[in-house]
PDB file of N, CA and C in Angstrom:
ATOM      1  N   MET A   1      21.731  11.879  21.115  1.00  0.00           N
ATOM      2  CA  MET A   1      20.423  10.717  21.045  1.00  0.00           C
ATOM      3  C   MET A   1      18.907  11.245  20.623  1.00  0.00           C
ATOM      4  N   GLU A   2      19.254  12.251  21.430  1.00  0.00           N
ATOM      5  CA  GLU A   2      17.620  12.870  21.431  1.00  0.00           C
ATOM      6  C   GLU A   2      17.288  13.797  20.076  1.00  0.00           C
ATOM      7  N   ASN A   3      18.541  14.360  19.354  1.00  0.00           N
ATOM      8  CA  ASN A   3      18.300  14.695  18.060  1.00  0.00           C
ATOM      9  C   ASN A   3      18.085  13.504  17.135  1.00  0.00           C
ATOM     10  N   LEU A   4      18.262  12.805  17.246  1.00  0.00           N
ATOM     11  CA  LEU A   4      18.226  11.600  16.453  1.00  0.00           C
ATOM     12  C   LEU A   4      16.617  11.175  16.387  1.00  0.00           C
ATOM     13  N   VAL A   5      16.223  10.710  17.951  1.00  0.00           N
ATOM     14  CA  VAL A   5      14.703   9.998  18.023  1.00  0.00           C
ATOM     15  C   VAL A   5      14.247  11.578  17.226  1.00  0.00           C
ATOM     16  N   GLN A   6      13.977  13.151  17.675  1.00  0.00           N
ATOM     17  CA  GLN A   6      13.227  13.868  17.008  1.00  0.00           C
ATOM     18  C   GLN A   6      13.415  13.967  15.595  1.00  0.00           C
ATOM     19  N   ASP A   7      14.806  13.311  14.929  1.00  0.00           N
ATOM     20  CA  ASP A   7      14.793  13.484  13.381  1.00  0.00           C
ATOM     21  C   ASP A   7      14.003  12.496  12.802  1.00  0.00           C
ATOM     22  N   LEU A   8      13.784  11.646  13.518  1.00  0.00           N
ATOM     23  CA  LEU A   8      13.142  10.363  12.838  1.00  0.00           C
ATOM     24  C   LEU A   8      11.580  10.522  12.870  1.00  0.00           C
ATOM     25  N   SER A   9      11.320  11.546  14.235  1.00  0.00           N
ATOM     26  CA  SER A   9       9.802  11.310  14.551  1.00  0.00           C
ATOM     27  C   SER A   9       9.723  12.351  13.120  1.00  0.00           C
ATOM     28  N   THR A  10      10.583  13.085  12.858  1.00  0.00           N
ATOM     29  CA  THR A  10       9.716  14.211  12.136  1.00  0.00           C
ATOM     30  C   THR A  10       9.641  13.956  10.634  1.00  0.00           C
ATOM     31  N   ARG A  11      10.764  13.043  10.364  1.00  0.00           N
ATOM     32  CA  ARG A  11      10.504  12.242   9.078  1.00  0.00           C
ATOM     33  C   ARG A  11       9.261  11.537   8.774  1.00  0.00           C
ATOM     34  N   SER A  12       9.672  10.774  10.209  1.00  0.00           N
ATOM     35  CA  SER A  12       8.402   9.485   9.907  1.00  0.00           C
ATOM     36  C   SER A  12       6.621  10.317  10.050  1.00  0.00           C
ATOM     37  N   LYS A  13       6.226  11.684  10.344  1.00  0.00           N
ATOM     38  CA  LYS A  13       5.272  11.982  10.141  1.00  0.00           C
ATOM     39  C   LYS A  13       5.166  12.861   8.606  1.00  0.00           C
ATOM     40  N   ARG A  14       6.342  12.923   7.650  1.00  0.00           N
ATOM     41  CA  ARG A  14       6.538  14.000   7.157  1.00  0.00           C
ATOM     42  C   ARG A  14       5.832  12.573   5.934  1.00  0.00           C
ATOM     43  N   VAL A  15       6.173  11.452   6.084  1.00  0.00           N
ATOM     44  CA  VAL A  15       6.129  10.267   5.086  1.00  0.00           C
ATOM     45  C   VAL A  15       4.880   9.728   5.359  1.00  0.00           C
ATOM     46  N   LEU A  16       4.136   9.954   6.139  1.00  0.00           N
ATOM     47  CA  LEU A  16       2.519   9.635   7.242  1.00  0.00           C
ATOM     48  C   LEU A  16       1.684  10.317   6.094  1.00  0.00           C
ATOM     49  N   GLU A  17       2.307  11.683   6.173  1.00  0.00           N
ATOM     50  CA  GLU A  17       1.533  12.788   5.458  1.00  0.00           C
ATOM     51  C   GLU A  17       1.320  12.962   4.578  1.00  0.00           C
ATOM     52  N   MET A  18       1.947  12.590   3.852  1.00  0.00           N
ATOM     53  CA  MET A  18       2.396  12.117   2.386  1.00  0.00           C
ATOM     54  C   MET A  18       1.435  11.193   1.673  1.00  0.00           C
ATOM     55  N   VAL A  19       1.710   9.948   2.486  1.00  0.00           N
ATOM     56  CA  VAL A  19       0.878   8.656   2.082  1.00  0.00           C
ATOM     57  C   VAL A  19      -0.123   8.976   2.545  1.00  0.00           C
ATOM     58  N   ARG A  20      -0.953   9.622   3.426  1.00  0.00           N
ATOM     59  CA  ARG A  20      -2.004  10.012   3.748  1.00  0.00           C
ATOM     60  C   ARG A  20      -3.054  10.692   3.030  1.00  0.00           C
ATOM     61  N   TYR A  21      -2.197  11.237   2.251  1.00  0.00           N
ATOM     62  CA  TYR A  21      -3.125  12.380   1.451  1.00  0.00           C
ATOM     63  C   TYR A  21      -2.518  12.789   0.012  1.00  0.00           C
ATOM     64  N   ASN A  22      -1.794  11.482  -0.556  1.00  0.00           N
ATOM     65  CA  ASN A  22      -1.139  11.991  -2.059  1.00  0.00           C
ATOM     66  C   ASN A  22      -1.956  10.208  -2.341  1.00  0.00           C
ATOM     67  N   ARG A  23      -2.551   9.866  -3.223  1.00  0.00           N
ATOM     68  CA  ARG A  23      -3.301   8.666  -3.773  1.00  0.00           C
ATOM     69  C   ARG A  23      -2.483   8.073  -4.310  1.00  0.00           C
ATOM     70  N   PRO A  24      -1.053   8.298  -4.916  1.00  0.00           N
ATOM     71  CA  PRO A  24      -0.228   7.597  -6.235  1.00  0.00           C
ATOM     72  C   PRO A  24       0.481   7.187  -4.980  1.00  0.00           C
ATOM     73  N   ALA A  25       0.849   7.959  -3.778  1.00  0.00           N
ATOM     74  CA  ALA A  25       2.062   7.557  -2.873  1.00  0.00           C
ATOM     75  C   ALA A  25       1.566   5.952  -2.446  1.00  0.00           C
ATOM     76  N   GLN A  26       0.091   6.245  -2.123  1.00  0.00           N
ATOM     77  CA  GLN A  26      -0.529   4.914  -1.736  1.00  0.00           C
ATOM     78  C   GLN A  26      -1.061   4.195  -2.246  1.00  0.00           C
ATOM     79  N   LEU A  27      -0.869   4.357  -3.225  1.00  0.00           N
ATOM     80  CA  LEU A  27      -1.172   2.667  -4.095  1.00  0.00           C
ATOM     81  C   LEU A  27       0.466   2.166  -4.368  1.00  0.00           C
ATOM     82  N   GLY A  28       1.330   3.078  -4.186  1.00  0.00           N
ATOM     83  CA  GLY A  28       2.764   2.380  -4.588  1.00  0.00           C
ATOM     84  C   GLY A  28       2.935   1.868  -3.627  1.00  0.00           C
ATOM     85  N   ALA A  29       2.929   1.939  -2.366  1.00  0.00           N
ATOM     86  CA  ALA A  29       3.079   1.399  -0.925  1.00  0.00           C
ATOM     87  C   ALA A  29       2.571   0.401  -0.564  1.00  0.00           C
ATOM     88  N   LEU A  30       1.181   0.460  -1.132  1.00  0.00           N
ATOM     89  CA  LEU A  30       0.574  -0.817  -1.316  1.00  0.00           C
ATOM     90  C   LEU A  30       0.859  -1.885  -2.043  1.00  0.00           C
ATOM     91  N   ALA A  31       1.256  -1.540  -3.450  1.00  0.00           N
ATOM     92  CA  ALA A  31       1.646  -2.291  -4.859  1.00  0.00           C
ATOM     93  C   ALA A  31       3.357  -3.002  -4.081  1.00  0.00           C
ATOM     94  N   VAL A  32       4.305  -2.223  -3.025  1.00  0.00           N
ATOM     95  CA  VAL A  32       5.650  -3.054  -2.522  1.00  0.00           C
ATOM     96  C   VAL A  32       5.331  -3.519  -1.532  1.00  0.00           C
ATOM     97  N   TYR A  33       4.226  -3.285  -0.482  1.00  0.00           N
ATOM     98  CA  TYR A  33       3.384  -4.243   0.534  1.00  0.00           C
ATOM     99  C   TYR A  33       2.927  -5.507  -0.370  1.00  0.00           C
ATOM    100  N   LEU A  34       2.065  -5.502  -1.414  1.00  0.00           N
ATOM    101  CA  LEU A  34       1.948  -6.780  -2.051  1.00  0.00           C
ATOM    102  C   LEU A  34       2.576  -7.588  -2.827  1.00  0.00           C
ATOM    103  N   LEU A  35       3.861  -6.876  -3.390  1.00  0.00           N
ATOM    104  CA  LEU A  35       5.005  -7.768  -3.835  1.00  0.00           C
ATOM    105  C   LEU A  35       6.103  -7.747  -3.119  1.00  0.00           C
ATOM    106  N   LEU A  36       6.150  -7.799  -1.819  1.00  0.00           N
ATOM    107  CA  LEU A  36       6.986  -8.138  -1.088  1.00  0.00           C
ATOM    108  C   LEU A  36       6.752  -9.506  -0.210  1.00  0.00           C
ATOM    109  N   TRP A  37       5.135  -9.665   0.299  1.00  0.00           N
ATOM    110  CA  TRP A  37       4.048 -10.588   0.676  1.00  0.00           C
ATOM    111  C   TRP A  37       3.737 -11.326   0.194  1.00  0.00           C
ATOM    112  N   PHE A  38       3.557 -11.083  -1.525  1.00  0.00           N
ATOM    113  CA  PHE A  38       4.047 -12.514  -2.188  1.00  0.00           C
ATOM    114  C   PHE A  38       5.031 -12.896  -2.677  1.00  0.00           C
ATOM    115  N   LEU A  39       6.525 -11.999  -2.184  1.00  0.00           N
ATOM    116  CA  LEU A  39       8.098 -13.096  -2.919  1.00  0.00           C
ATOM    117  C   LEU A  39       8.364 -13.516  -1.997  1.00  0.00           C
ATOM    118  N   PHE A  40       8.079 -13.403  -0.383  1.00  0.00           N
ATOM    119  CA  PHE A  40       8.683 -13.902   0.482  1.00  0.00           C
ATOM    120  C   PHE A  40       7.596 -15.100   1.267  1.00  0.00           C
ATOM    121  N   SER A  41       6.259 -15.089   0.817  1.00  0.00           N
ATOM    122  CA  SER A  41       5.439 -15.975   1.573  1.00  0.00           C
ATOM    123  C   SER A  41       5.317 -17.289   0.196  1.00  0.00           C
ATOM    124  N   THR A  42       4.926 -18.027   0.736  1.00  0.00           N
ATOM    125  CA  THR A  42       4.971 -19.484   0.096  1.00  0.00           C
ATOM    126  C   THR A  42       3.448 -19.952  -0.010  1.00  0.00           C
ATOM    127  N   GLY A  43       3.025 -20.842  -1.011  1.00  0.00           N
ATOM    128  CA  GLY A  43       1.606 -21.456  -0.773  1.00  0.00           C
ATOM    129  C   GLY A  43       1.112 -21.161  -1.954  1.00  0.00           C
ATOM    130  N   LEU A  44      -0.187 -21.793  -2.057  1.00  0.00           N
ATOM    131  CA  LEU A  44      -1.071 -21.701  -3.104  1.00  0.00           C
ATOM    132  C   LEU A  44      -1.734 -20.364  -2.949  1.00  0.00           C
ATOM    133  N   THR A  45      -2.334 -20.763  -1.304  1.00  0.00           N
ATOM    134  CA  THR A  45      -3.237 -19.420  -0.559  1.00  0.00           C
ATOM    135  C   THR A  45      -2.668 -18.309  -0.882  1.00  0.00           C
ATOM    136  N   THR A  46      -1.551 -17.799  -1.078  1.00  0.00           N
ATOM    137  CA  THR A  46      -0.615 -16.737  -1.543  1.00  0.00           C
ATOM    138  C   THR A  46      -1.304 -16.359  -2.414  1.00  0.00           C
ATOM    139  N   VAL A  47      -1.565 -17.042  -3.693  1.00  0.00           N
ATOM    140  CA  VAL A  47      -1.476 -16.452  -5.153  1.00  0.00           C
ATOM    141  C   VAL A  47      -3.183 -16.514  -5.216  1.00  0.00           C
ATOM    142  N   TRP A  48      -4.027 -17.263  -4.193  1.00  0.00           N
ATOM    143  CA  TRP A  48      -5.369 -16.818  -4.399  1.00  0.00           C
ATOM    144  C   TRP A  48      -5.971 -15.549  -4.222  1.00  0.00           C
ATOM    145  N   VAL A  49      -5.103 -15.718  -3.267  1.00  0.00           N
ATOM    146  CA  VAL A  49      -5.109 -13.807  -1.901  1.00  0.00           C
ATOM    147  C   VAL A  49      -4.969 -12.714  -3.310  1.00  0.00           C
ATOM    148  N   ALA A  50      -3.837 -12.954  -3.450  1.00  0.00           N
ATOM    149  CA  ALA A  50      -2.941 -12.006  -4.565  1.00  0.00           C
ATOM    150  C   ALA A  50      -4.510 -11.713  -5.429  1.00  0.00           C
ATOM    151  N   VAL A  51      -4.859 -13.015  -6.123  1.00  0.00           N
ATOM    152  CA  VAL A  51      -5.948 -13.048  -7.194  1.00  0.00           C
ATOM    153  C   VAL A  51      -6.994 -12.264  -6.789  1.00  0.00           C
ATOM    154  N   GLY A  52      -7.609 -12.859  -5.801  1.00  0.00           N
ATOM    155  CA  GLY A  52      -8.518 -11.806  -5.081  1.00  0.00           C
ATOM    156  C   GLY A  52      -8.464 -10.244  -4.865  1.00  0.00           C
ATOM    157  N   ALA A  53      -7.518  -9.818  -4.428  1.00  0.00           N
ATOM    158  CA  ALA A  53      -7.228  -8.612  -3.992  1.00  0.00           C
ATOM    159  C   ALA A  53      -7.398  -7.720  -5.390  1.00  0.00           C
ATOM    160  N   GLY A  54      -6.223  -7.834  -6.256  1.00  0.00           N
ATOM    161  CA  GLY A  54      -6.744  -7.691  -7.429  1.00  0.00           C
ATOM    162  C   GLY A  54      -8.140  -8.257  -8.433  1.00  0.00           C
ATOM    163  N   LEU A  55      -8.659  -8.665  -8.167  1.00  0.00           N
ATOM    164  CA  LEU A  55     -10.196  -8.228  -8.760  1.00  0.00           C
ATOM    165  C   LEU A  55     -11.149  -7.748  -7.973  1.00  0.00           C
ATOM    166  N   GLY A  56     -10.659  -7.567  -6.524  1.00  0.00           N
ATOM    167  CA  GLY A  56     -11.689  -6.856  -6.287  1.00  0.00           C
ATOM    168  C   GLY A  56     -11.287  -5.014  -6.094  1.00  0.00           C
ATOM    169  N   TRP A  57      -9.784  -4.935  -6.658  1.00  0.00           N
ATOM    170  CA  TRP A  57      -9.601  -3.491  -6.551  1.00  0.00           C
ATOM    171  C   TRP A  57     -10.338  -2.898  -7.980  1.00  0.00           C
ATOM    172  N   LEU A  58      -9.688  -3.915  -9.340  1.00  0.00           N
ATOM    173  CA  LEU A  58     -10.580  -3.586 -10.201  1.00  0.00           C
ATOM    174  C   LEU A  58     -12.003  -3.383 -10.461  1.00  0.00           C
ATOM    175  N   VAL A  59     -12.993  -4.309  -9.771  1.00  0.00           N
ATOM    176  CA  VAL A  59     -14.249  -4.196  -9.511  1.00  0.00           C
ATOM    177  C   VAL A  59     -14.444  -2.818  -8.999  1.00  0.00           C
ATOM    178  N   GLY A  60     -13.611  -2.487  -7.844  1.00  0.00           N
ATOM    179  CA  GLY A  60     -13.849  -1.229  -7.107  1.00  0.00           C
ATOM    180  C   GLY A  60     -13.380   0.052  -8.069  1.00  0.00           C
ATOM    181  N   GLN A  61     -11.988  -0.241  -8.808  1.00  0.00           N
ATOM    182  CA  GLN A  61     -12.265   1.270  -9.829  1.00  0.00           C
ATOM    183  C   GLN A  61     -13.425   1.417 -10.958  1.00  0.00           C
ATOM    184  N   SER A  62     -14.021  -0.533 -11.481  1.00  0.00           N
ATOM    185  CA  SER A  62     -14.581   0.177 -12.512  1.00  0.00           C
ATOM    186  C   SER A  62     -16.304   0.305 -11.941  1.00  0.00           C
ATOM    187  N   GLU A  63     -16.181   0.124 -10.684  1.00  0.00           N
ATOM    188  CA  GLU A  63     -17.627   0.923  -9.842  1.00  0.00           C
ATOM    189  C   GLU A  63     -17.879   2.286  -9.834  1.00  0.00           C
ATOM    190  N   LYS A  64     -16.028   2.572  -9.361  1.00  0.00           N
ATOM    191  CA  LYS A  64     -15.866   4.547  -9.049  1.00  0.00           C
ATOM    192  C   LYS A  64     -16.250   4.870 -10.678  1.00  0.00           C
ATOM    193  N   ARG A  65     -15.713   4.268 -11.199  1.00  0.00           N
ATOM    194  CA  ARG A  65     -15.712   4.841 -13.284  1.00  0.00           C
ATOM    195  C   ARG A  65     -17.081   5.220 -13.256  1.00  0.00           C
ATOM    196  N   SER A  66     -17.995   3.854 -12.931  1.00  0.00           N
ATOM    197  CA  SER A  66     -19.078   4.428 -13.462  1.00  0.00           C
ATOM    198  C   SER A  66     -19.872   4.961 -12.513  1.00  0.00           C
ATOM    199  N   GLN A  67     -19.931   5.233 -11.494  1.00  0.00           N
ATOM    200  CA  GLN A  67     -20.453   6.452 -10.732  1.00  0.00           C
ATOM    201  C   GLN A  67     -20.139   8.266 -11.727  1.00  0.00           C
ATOM    202  N   ASP A  68     -18.573   8.351 -12.067  1.00  0.00           N
ATOM    203  CA  ASP A  68     -18.612   9.302 -12.144  1.00  0.00           C
ATOM    204  C   ASP A  68     -19.275  10.010 -12.771  1.00  0.00           C
TER     205      ASP A  68
END
């Protein structure tokens, strides 16, 4: 049992390090989270939050490109 806990701990640390320093992994995790949230929640509020989050991301990307 102790080996199982250590193995899970080691694997989770590796995944967290990969997500922390890998931009595509961060965006992928965010996309999966938002997709699952959108699929399993109901109501018009969810649609507006998703649209707002998407627009915020687009604005952030355009500002980042204009600064480069």
